[in-house]
All heavy atoms as atom14 arrays in JSON, in Angstrom:
{
  "sequence": "AWALRQPYALDALPAFEASINDLFADGRLSAVCQYDRRLYDGD",
  "atom14_mask": [
    [1, 1, 1, 1, 1, 0, 0, 0, 0, 0, 0, 0, 0, 0],
    [1, 1, 1, 1, 1, 1, 1, 1, 1, 1, 1, 1, 1, 1],
    [1, 1, 1, 1, 1, 0, 0, 0, 0, 0, 0, 0, 0, 0],
    [1, 1, 1, 1, 1, 1, 1, 1, 0, 0, 0, 0, 0, 0],
    [1, 1, 1, 1, 1, 1, 1, 1, 1, 1, 1, 0, 0, 0],
    [1, 1, 1, 1, 1, 1, 1, 1, 1, 0, 0, 0, 0, 0],
    [1, 1, 1, 1, 1, 1, 1, 0, 0, 0, 0, 0, 0, 0],
    [1, 1, 1, 1, 1, 1, 1, 1, 1, 1, 1, 1, 0, 0],
    [1, 1, 1, 1, 1, 0, 0, 0, 0, 0, 0, 0, 0, 0],
    [1, 1, 1, 1, 1, 1, 1, 1, 0, 0, 0, 0, 0, 0],
    [1, 1, 1, 1, 1, 1, 1, 1, 0, 0, 0, 0, 0, 0],
    [1, 1, 1, 1, 1, 0, 0, 0, 0, 0, 0, 0, 0, 0],
    [1, 1, 1, 1, 1, 1, 1, 1, 0, 0, 0, 0, 0, 0],
    [1, 1, 1, 1, 1, 1, 1, 0, 0, 0, 0, 0, 0, 0],
    [1, 1, 1, 1, 1, 0, 0, 0, 0, 0, 0, 0, 0, 0],
    [1, 1, 1, 1, 1, 1, 1, 1, 1, 1, 1, 0, 0, 0],
    [1, 1, 1, 1, 1, 1, 1, 1, 1, 0, 0, 0, 0, 0],
    [1, 1, 1, 1, 1, 0, 0, 0, 0, 0, 0, 0, 0, 0],
    [1, 1, 1, 1, 1, 1, 0, 0, 0, 0, 0, 0, 0, 0],
    [1, 1, 1, 1, 1, 1, 1, 1, 0, 0, 0, 0, 0, 0],
    [1, 1, 1, 1, 1, 1, 1, 1, 0, 0, 0, 0, 0, 0],
    [1, 1, 1, 1, 1, 1, 1, 1, 0, 0, 0, 0, 0, 0],
    [1, 1, 1, 1, 1, 1, 1, 1, 0, 0, 0, 0, 0, 0],
    [1, 1, 1, 1, 1, 1, 1, 1, 1, 1, 1, 0, 0, 0],
    [1, 1, 1, 1, 1, 0, 0, 0, 0, 0, 0, 0, 0, 0],
    [1, 1, 1, 1, 1, 1, 1, 1, 0, 0, 0, 0, 0, 0],
    [1, 1, 1, 1, 0, 0, 0, 0, 0, 0, 0, 0, 0, 0],
    [1, 1, 1, 1, 1, 1, 1, 1, 1, 1, 1, 0, 0, 0],
    [1, 1, 1, 1, 1, 1, 1, 1, 0, 0, 0, 0, 0, 0],
    [1, 1, 1, 1, 1, 1, 0, 0, 0, 0, 0, 0, 0, 0],
    [1, 1, 1, 1, 1, 0, 0, 0, 0, 0, 0, 0, 0, 0],
    [1, 1, 1, 1, 1, 1, 1, 0, 0, 0, 0, 0, 0, 0],
    [1, 1, 1, 1, 1, 1, 0, 0, 0, 0, 0, 0, 0, 0],
    [1, 1, 1, 1, 1, 1, 1, 1, 1, 0, 0, 0, 0, 0],
    [1, 1, 1, 1, 1, 1, 1, 1, 1, 1, 1, 1, 0, 0],
    [1, 1, 1, 1, 1, 1, 1, 1, 0, 0, 0, 0, 0, 0],
    [1, 1, 1, 1, 1, 1, 1, 1, 1, 1, 1, 0, 0, 0],
    [1, 1, 1, 1, 1, 1, 1, 1, 1, 1, 1, 0, 0, 0],
    [1, 1, 1, 1, 1, 1, 1, 1, 0, 0, 0, 0, 0, 0],
    [1, 1, 1, 1, 1, 1, 1, 1, 1, 1, 1, 1, 0, 0],
    [1, 1, 1, 1, 1, 1, 1, 1, 0, 0, 0, 0, 0, 0],
    [1, 1, 1, 1, 0, 0, 0, 0, 0, 0, 0, 0, 0, 0],
    [1, 1, 1, 1, 1, 1, 1, 1, 0, 0, 0, 0, 0, 0]
  ],
  "atom14_positions": [
    [[0.82, -1.31, 0.0], [0.01, 0.09, 0.05], [0.85, 1.3, 0.02], [0.39, 2.4, -0.28], [-0.94, 0.0, 1.18], [0.0, 0.0, 0.0], [0.0, 0.0, 0.0], [0.0, 0.0, 0.0], [0.0, 0.0, 0.0], [0.0, 0.0, 0.0], [0.0, 0.0, 0.0], [0.0, 0.0, 0.0], [0.0, 0.0, 0.0], [0.0, 0.0, 0.0]],
    [[2.15, 1.14, 0.36], [3.03, 2.25, 0.28], [3.0, 3.06, -1.14], [3.34, 4.28, -1.23], [4.4, 1.92, 0.58], [5.15, 0.97, -0.25], [5.21, -0.39, -0.18], [5.9, 1.31, -1.44], [5.86, -1.02, -1.2], [6.23, -0.02, -2.06], [6.2, 2.46, -2.11], [6.91, 0.11, -3.24], [6.75, 2.44, -3.36], [7.23, 1.24, -3.81]],
    [[2.82, 2.16, -2.23], [3.02, 2.72, -3.5], [1.85, 3.71, -3.82], [2.06, 4.56, -4.73], [2.96, 1.61, -4.61], [0.0, 0.0, 0.0], [0.0, 0.0, 0.0], [0.0, 0.0, 0.0], [0.0, 0.0, 0.0], [0.0, 0.0, 0.0], [0.0, 0.0, 0.0], [0.0, 0.0, 0.0], [0.0, 0.0, 0.0], [0.0, 0.0, 0.0]],
    [[0.8, 3.65, -3.08], [-0.36, 4.48, -3.3], [-0.05, 5.99, -2.9], [-0.75, 6.89, -3.22], [-1.63, 3.99, -2.57], [-2.09, 2.62, -3.02], [-3.14, 2.13, -2.06], [-2.62, 2.73, -4.45], [0.0, 0.0, 0.0], [0.0, 0.0, 0.0], [0.0, 0.0, 0.0], [0.0, 0.0, 0.0], [0.0, 0.0, 0.0], [0.0, 0.0, 0.0]],
    [[1.0, 6.16, -2.17], [1.36, 7.54, -1.69], [1.74, 8.34, -2.86], [1.74, 9.65, -2.81], [2.45, 7.53, -0.72], [2.05, 6.82, 0.6], [3.26, 7.23, 1.69], [3.23, 6.4, 2.81], [3.98, 6.65, 3.89], [4.77, 7.64, 3.82], [3.94, 5.9, 4.95], [0.0, 0.0, 0.0], [0.0, 0.0, 0.0], [0.0, 0.0, 0.0]],
    [[2.48, 7.77, -3.87], [3.03, 8.61, -5.07], [2.62, 8.16, -6.21], [2.89, 6.86, -6.56], [4.58, 8.58, -4.85], [5.11, 9.14, -3.56], [6.65, 9.17, -3.54], [7.27, 8.46, -4.29], [7.22, 9.82, -2.57], [0.0, 0.0, 0.0], [0.0, 0.0, 0.0], [0.0, 0.0, 0.0], [0.0, 0.0, 0.0], [0.0, 0.0, 0.0]],
    [[1.96, 8.97, -7.17], [1.64, 8.56, -8.44], [2.77, 7.92, -9.34], [2.59, 6.89, -9.92], [1.04, 9.77, -9.22], [0.72, 10.58, -8.05], [1.55, 10.29, -6.96], [0.0, 0.0, 0.0], [0.0, 0.0, 0.0], [0.0, 0.0, 0.0], [0.0, 0.0, 0.0], [0.0, 0.0, 0.0], [0.0, 0.0, 0.0], [0.0, 0.0, 0.0]],
    [[3.92, 8.39, -9.21], [5.18, 7.95, -9.83], [5.38, 6.48, -9.51], [5.73, 5.7, -10.3], [6.33, 8.86, -9.6], [7.61, 8.04, -9.84], [8.02, 7.93, -11.38], [8.49, 7.45, -9.01], [9.13, 7.26, -11.67], [9.63, 6.84, -9.38], [9.9, 6.63, -10.73], [11.19, 6.1, -11.01], [0.0, 0.0, 0.0], [0.0, 0.0, 0.0]],
    [[5.21, 6.18, -8.08], [5.49, 4.85, -7.64], [4.6, 3.85, -8.35], [4.97, 2.75, -8.77], [5.41, 4.91, -6.1], [0.0, 0.0, 0.0], [0.0, 0.0, 0.0], [0.0, 0.0, 0.0], [0.0, 0.0, 0.0], [0.0, 0.0, 0.0], [0.0, 0.0, 0.0], [0.0, 0.0, 0.0], [0.0, 0.0, 0.0], [0.0, 0.0, 0.0]],
    [[3.29, 4.19, -8.43], [2.37, 3.33, -9.05], [2.7, 3.03, -10.52], [2.71, 1.81, -11.05], [1.02, 4.0, -9.04], [0.16, 3.89, -7.66], [-1.16, 4.52, -7.78], [0.0, 2.39, -7.36], [0.0, 0.0, 0.0], [0.0, 0.0, 0.0], [0.0, 0.0, 0.0], [0.0, 0.0, 0.0], [0.0, 0.0, 0.0], [0.0, 0.0, 0.0]],
    [[3.11, 4.03, -11.26], [3.46, 3.77, -12.62], [4.69, 3.03, -12.72], [4.8, 2.27, -13.69], [3.71, 5.17, -13.32], [2.46, 6.1, -13.43], [1.36, 5.53, -13.31], [2.55, 7.38, -13.58], [0.0, 0.0, 0.0], [0.0, 0.0, 0.0], [0.0, 0.0, 0.0], [0.0, 0.0, 0.0], [0.0, 0.0, 0.0], [0.0, 0.0, 0.0]],
    [[5.64, 3.17, -11.92], [6.94, 2.43, -12.02], [6.84, 1.04, -11.37], [7.82, 0.3, -11.62], [8.05, 3.25, -11.27], [0.0, 0.0, 0.0], [0.0, 0.0, 0.0], [0.0, 0.0, 0.0], [0.0, 0.0, 0.0], [0.0, 0.0, 0.0], [0.0, 0.0, 0.0], [0.0, 0.0, 0.0], [0.0, 0.0, 0.0], [0.0, 0.0, 0.0]],
    [[5.81, 0.73, -10.73], [5.81, -0.47, -9.94], [5.99, -1.81, -10.72], [6.79, -2.65, -10.37], [4.55, -0.59, -9.05], [4.52, -1.35, -7.81], [5.71, -0.96, -6.9], [3.17, -1.15, -7.06], [0.0, 0.0, 0.0], [0.0, 0.0, 0.0], [0.0, 0.0, 0.0], [0.0, 0.0, 0.0], [0.0, 0.0, 0.0], [0.0, 0.0, 0.0]],
    [[5.25, -1.92, -11.78], [5.42, -3.19, -12.47], [6.97, -3.45, -13.06], [7.47, -4.46, -12.87], [4.38, -3.05, -13.74], [3.4, -2.19, -13.26], [4.11, -1.23, -12.41], [0.0, 0.0, 0.0], [0.0, 0.0, 0.0], [0.0, 0.0, 0.0], [0.0, 0.0, 0.0], [0.0, 0.0, 0.0], [0.0, 0.0, 0.0], [0.0, 0.0, 0.0]],
    [[7.44, -2.36, -13.58], [8.88, -2.5, -14.21], [9.81, -2.79, -12.97], [10.7, -3.54, -13.16], [9.19, -1.16, -14.84], [0.0, 0.0, 0.0], [0.0, 0.0, 0.0], [0.0, 0.0, 0.0], [0.0, 0.0, 0.0], [0.0, 0.0, 0.0], [0.0, 0.0, 0.0], [0.0, 0.0, 0.0], [0.0, 0.0, 0.0], [0.0, 0.0, 0.0]],
    [[9.58, -2.07, -11.84], [10.47, -2.32, -10.67], [10.42, -3.85, -10.18], [11.3, -4.4, -9.91], [10.03, -1.45, -9.58], [10.75, -1.8, -8.3], [12.1, -1.48, -8.11], [10.02, -2.25, -7.16], [12.78, -1.85, -6.87], [10.69, -2.65, -6.01], [11.99, -2.45, -5.88], [0.0, 0.0, 0.0], [0.0, 0.0, 0.0], [0.0, 0.0, 0.0]],
    [[9.15, -4.3, -10.09], [8.96, -5.69, -9.52], [9.69, -6.7, -10.57], [10.3, -7.59, -9.98], [7.53, -5.98, -9.47], [6.76, -5.32, -8.3], [6.95, -5.91, -6.98], [7.98, -6.54, -6.7], [6.03, -5.8, -6.21], [0.0, 0.0, 0.0], [0.0, 0.0, 0.0], [0.0, 0.0, 0.0], [0.0, 0.0, 0.0], [0.0, 0.0, 0.0]],
    [[9.55, -6.48, -11.86], [10.2, -7.32, -12.79], [11.65, -7.26, -12.77], [12.39, -8.22, -12.71], [9.73, -7.04, -14.24], [0.0, 0.0, 0.0], [0.0, 0.0, 0.0], [0.0, 0.0, 0.0], [0.0, 0.0, 0.0], [0.0, 0.0, 0.0], [0.0, 0.0, 0.0], [0.0, 0.0, 0.0], [0.0, 0.0, 0.0], [0.0, 0.0, 0.0]],
    [[12.23, -5.97, -12.54], [13.65, -5.79, -12.64], [14.38, -6.4, -11.49], [15.66, -6.58, -11.66], [13.96, -4.24, -12.73], [13.62, -3.65, -11.55], [0.0, 0.0, 0.0], [0.0, 0.0, 0.0], [0.0, 0.0, 0.0], [0.0, 0.0, 0.0], [0.0, 0.0, 0.0], [0.0, 0.0, 0.0], [0.0, 0.0, 0.0], [0.0, 0.0, 0.0]],
    [[13.86, -6.58, -10.35], [14.48, -7.22, -9.14], [14.49, -8.66, -9.14], [15.1, -9.29, -8.2], [13.99, -6.51, -7.83], [12.5, -6.97, -7.56], [14.08, -5.01, -7.86], [11.99, -6.64, -6.27], [0.0, 0.0, 0.0], [0.0, 0.0, 0.0], [0.0, 0.0, 0.0], [0.0, 0.0, 0.0], [0.0, 0.0, 0.0], [0.0, 0.0, 0.0]],
    [[13.9, -9.42, -9.99], [13.8, -10.84, -9.96], [15.22, -11.43, -9.96], [15.3, -12.49, -9.31], [12.98, -11.26, -11.21], [11.5, -11.28, -10.9], [10.97, -11.84, -9.96], [10.72, -10.63, -11.72], [0.0, 0.0, 0.0], [0.0, 0.0, 0.0], [0.0, 0.0, 0.0], [0.0, 0.0, 0.0], [0.0, 0.0, 0.0], [0.0, 0.0, 0.0]],
    [[16.2, -10.87, -10.64], [17.5, -11.56, -10.64], [18.09, -11.49, -9.31], [19.0, -12.37, -9.03], [18.5, -10.81, -11.72], [18.74, -9.35, -11.34], [17.8, -8.59, -11.13], [19.85, -9.1, -11.17], [0.0, 0.0, 0.0], [0.0, 0.0, 0.0], [0.0, 0.0, 0.0], [0.0, 0.0, 0.0], [0.0, 0.0, 0.0], [0.0, 0.0, 0.0]],
    [[17.67, -10.63, -8.36], [18.26, -10.74, -6.92], [17.81, -11.97, -6.28], [18.55, -12.36, -5.24], [17.68, -9.55, -6.14], [17.99, -8.05, -6.44], [17.3, -7.12, -5.51], [19.58, -7.94, -6.33], [0.0, 0.0, 0.0], [0.0, 0.0, 0.0], [0.0, 0.0, 0.0], [0.0, 0.0, 0.0], [0.0, 0.0, 0.0], [0.0, 0.0, 0.0]],
    [[16.8, -12.73, -6.72], [16.38, -13.99, -6.1], [17.05, -15.25, -6.59], [17.01, -16.3, -6.07], [14.82, -14.23, -6.34], [14.09, -13.0, -5.62], [13.9, -11.86, -6.15], [13.35, -13.23, -4.49], [13.12, -10.84, -5.63], [12.68, -12.29, -3.79], [12.58, -11.02, -4.53], [0.0, 0.0, 0.0], [0.0, 0.0, 0.0], [0.0, 0.0, 0.0]],
    [[17.97, -15.06, -7.74], [18.48, -16.15, -8.41], [19.44, -17.01, -7.63], [19.82, -18.2, -7.94], [18.95, -15.81, -9.77], [0.0, 0.0, 0.0], [0.0, 0.0, 0.0], [0.0, 0.0, 0.0], [0.0, 0.0, 0.0], [0.0, 0.0, 0.0], [0.0, 0.0, 0.0], [0.0, 0.0, 0.0], [0.0, 0.0, 0.0], [0.0, 0.0, 0.0]],
    [[20.09, -16.44, -6.56], [20.98, -17.11, -5.88], [20.43, -17.9, -4.69], [21.2, -18.54, -3.86], [22.11, -16.0, -5.21], [23.0, -15.59, -6.36], [23.37, -16.35, -7.25], [23.47, -14.35, -6.25], [0.0, 0.0, 0.0], [0.0, 0.0, 0.0], [0.0, 0.0, 0.0], [0.0, 0.0, 0.0], [0.0, 0.0, 0.0], [0.0, 0.0, 0.0]],
    [[19.08, -17.89, -4.47], [18.46, -18.54, -3.46], [18.76, -18.13, -2.13], [18.69, -18.93, -1.15], [0.0, 0.0, 0.0], [0.0, 0.0, 0.0], [0.0, 0.0, 0.0], [0.0, 0.0, 0.0], [0.0, 0.0, 0.0], [0.0, 0.0, 0.0], [0.0, 0.0, 0.0], [0.0, 0.0, 0.0], [0.0, 0.0, 0.0], [0.0, 0.0, 0.0]],
    [[19.01, -16.81, -1.98], [19.23, -16.27, -0.59], [18.1, -15.32, -0.1], [18.06, -14.82, 0.99], [20.46, -15.46, -0.55], [21.67, -16.36, -0.93], [23.02, -15.64, -0.8], [24.05, -16.46, -1.36], [25.27, -16.24, -0.94], [25.6, -15.28, -0.07], [26.31, -16.96, -1.42], [0.0, 0.0, 0.0], [0.0, 0.0, 0.0], [0.0, 0.0, 0.0]],
    [[17.09, -15.06, -1.01], [16.08, -14.12, -0.72], [14.7, -14.68, -1.13], [14.67, -15.31, -2.23], [16.34, -12.78, -1.41], [15.37, -11.73, -1.52], [15.02, -11.09, -0.09], [15.67, -10.64, -2.46], [0.0, 0.0, 0.0], [0.0, 0.0, 0.0], [0.0, 0.0, 0.0], [0.0, 0.0, 0.0], [0.0, 0.0, 0.0], [0.0, 0.0, 0.0]],
    [[13.8, -14.46, -0.34], [12.36, -14.71, -0.69], [11.5, -13.5, -0.31], [11.8, -12.93, 0.72], [11.83, -15.84, 0.11], [10.41, -16.04, -0.16], [0.0, 0.0, 0.0], [0.0, 0.0, 0.0], [0.0, 0.0, 0.0], [0.0, 0.0, 0.0], [0.0, 0.0, 0.0], [0.0, 0.0, 0.0], [0.0, 0.0, 0.0], [0.0, 0.0, 0.0]],
    [[10.6, -13.1, -1.11], [9.73, -11.87, -0.82], [8.32, -12.16, -1.19], [8.02, -12.8, -2.15], [10.24, -10.69, -1.51], [0.0, 0.0, 0.0], [0.0, 0.0, 0.0], [0.0, 0.0, 0.0], [0.0, 0.0, 0.0], [0.0, 0.0, 0.0], [0.0, 0.0, 0.0], [0.0, 0.0, 0.0], [0.0, 0.0, 0.0], [0.0, 0.0, 0.0]],
    [[7.49, -11.76, -0.34], [5.96, -11.83, -0.56], [5.58, -10.38, -0.59], [5.63, -9.66, 0.37], [5.25, -12.63, 0.58], [3.74, -12.45, 0.32], [5.76, -14.06, 0.62], [0.0, 0.0, 0.0], [0.0, 0.0, 0.0], [0.0, 0.0, 0.0], [0.0, 0.0, 0.0], [0.0, 0.0, 0.0], [0.0, 0.0, 0.0], [0.0, 0.0, 0.0]],
    [[5.04, -9.97, -1.71], [4.49, -8.64, -1.87], [2.97, -8.61, -1.86], [2.3, -9.17, -2.69], [5.0, -8.05, -3.28], [6.88, -8.11, -3.61], [0.0, 0.0, 0.0], [0.0, 0.0, 0.0], [0.0, 0.0, 0.0], [0.0, 0.0, 0.0], [0.0, 0.0, 0.0], [0.0, 0.0, 0.0], [0.0, 0.0, 0.0], [0.0, 0.0, 0.0]],
    [[2.41, -7.94, -0.73], [1.04, -8.12, -0.45], [0.3, -6.91, -1.19], [0.51, -5.76, -0.69], [0.82, -8.14, 0.95], [1.55, -9.28, 1.55], [1.38, -9.5, 3.25], [1.47, -8.33, 3.84], [1.0, -10.55, 3.72], [0.0, 0.0, 0.0], [0.0, 0.0, 0.0], [0.0, 0.0, 0.0], [0.0, 0.0, 0.0], [0.0, 0.0, 0.0]],
    [[-0.6, -7.15, -2.09], [-1.28, -6.17, -2.82], [-2.77, -6.27, -2.48], [-3.45, -7.34, -2.58], [-1.12, -6.3, -4.4], [0.2, -5.84, -4.87], [1.28, -6.73, -4.86], [0.31, -4.62, -5.43], [2.48, -6.31, -5.42], [1.43, -4.24, -5.91], [2.63, -5.02, -5.86], [3.72, -4.56, -6.33], [0.0, 0.0, 0.0], [0.0, 0.0, 0.0]],
    [[-3.38, -5.16, -1.96], [-4.67, -5.15, -1.62], [-5.6, -4.97, -2.98], [-5.45, -3.88, -3.64], [-4.94, -3.91, -0.82], [-6.24, -3.85, -0.16], [-7.27, -4.47, -0.85], [-6.66, -3.35, 0.9], [0.0, 0.0, 0.0], [0.0, 0.0, 0.0], [0.0, 0.0, 0.0], [0.0, 0.0, 0.0], [0.0, 0.0, 0.0], [0.0, 0.0, 0.0]],
    [[-6.24, -5.97, -3.24], [-7.02, -6.17, -4.49], [-7.98, -4.96, -4.69], [-8.46, -4.57, -5.81], [-7.68, -7.5, -4.69], [-8.27, -7.72, -5.95], [-7.05, -7.82, -7.09], [-7.65, -8.2, -8.34], [-7.96, -7.29, -9.22], [-8.02, -5.93, -8.82], [-8.6, -7.5, -10.43], [0.0, 0.0, 0.0], [0.0, 0.0, 0.0], [0.0, 0.0, 0.0]],
    [[-8.41, -4.39, -3.57], [-9.55, -3.44, -3.58], [-8.92, -1.98, -3.95], [-9.53, -1.05, -4.29], [-10.16, -3.21, -2.15], [-10.8, -4.54, -1.56], [-11.01, -4.46, -0.08], [-9.65, -4.45, 0.62], [-9.65, -4.44, 1.96], [-10.76, -4.47, 2.63], [-8.53, -4.35, 2.56], [0.0, 0.0, 0.0], [0.0, 0.0, 0.0], [0.0, 0.0, 0.0]],
    [[-7.58, -1.82, -3.96], [-6.99, -0.54, -4.14], [-6.3, -0.34, -5.53], [-5.98, 0.76, -5.77], [-5.96, -0.39, -3.05], [-6.35, -0.44, -1.6], [-5.28, -0.21, -0.67], [-7.43, 0.63, -1.38], [0.0, 0.0, 0.0], [0.0, 0.0, 0.0], [0.0, 0.0, 0.0], [0.0, 0.0, 0.0], [0.0, 0.0, 0.0], [0.0, 0.0, 0.0]],
    [[-6.2, -1.5, -6.41], [-5.5, -1.31, -7.64], [-6.39, -1.73, -8.72], [-7.19, -2.65, -8.66], [-4.29, -2.36, -7.68], [-3.28, -1.95, -6.7], [-3.22, -2.37, -5.39], [-2.21, -1.18, -7.12], [-2.24, -2.1, -4.45], [-1.13, -0.81, -6.25], [-1.11, -1.13, -4.88], [-0.18, -1.02, -4.03], [0.0, 0.0, 0.0], [0.0, 0.0, 0.0]],
    [[-6.39, -0.85, -9.87], [-7.2, -1.1, -10.93], [-6.72, -2.35, -11.68], [-5.68, -2.74, -11.55], [-7.24, 0.1, -11.93], [-5.89, 0.41, -12.57], [-5.32, -0.57, -13.18], [-5.52, 1.47, -12.51], [0.0, 0.0, 0.0], [0.0, 0.0, 0.0], [0.0, 0.0, 0.0], [0.0, 0.0, 0.0], [0.0, 0.0, 0.0], [0.0, 0.0, 0.0]],
    [[-7.63, -2.93, -12.57], [-7.39, -4.19, -13.24], [-6.16, -4.21, -13.94], [-5.35, -5.23, -13.75], [0.0, 0.0, 0.0], [0.0, 0.0, 0.0], [0.0, 0.0, 0.0], [0.0, 0.0, 0.0], [0.0, 0.0, 0.0], [0.0, 0.0, 0.0], [0.0, 0.0, 0.0], [0.0, 0.0, 0.0], [0.0, 0.0, 0.0], [0.0, 0.0, 0.0]],
    [[-5.94, -3.33, -14.8], [-4.65, -3.32, -15.76], [-3.47, -3.3, -14.93], [-2.47, -4.05, -15.14], [-4.75, -2.14, -16.73], [-3.54, -2.21, -17.63], [-3.28, -3.05, -18.49], [-2.65, -1.13, -17.48], [0.0, 0.0, 0.0], [0.0, 0.0, 0.0], [0.0, 0.0, 0.0], [0.0, 0.0, 0.0], [0.0, 0.0, 0.0], [0.0, 0.0, 0.0]]
  ]
}
């Protein structure tokens, strides 16, 4: 829900989430990103 504070953050969110996937490739990190379905539009 932090991303809702800044319009730029919302626009940049999908690209950011995709770009950090390589951080997980060494098997030292796991992350659960919790998105409130009521707050985000479908697209």
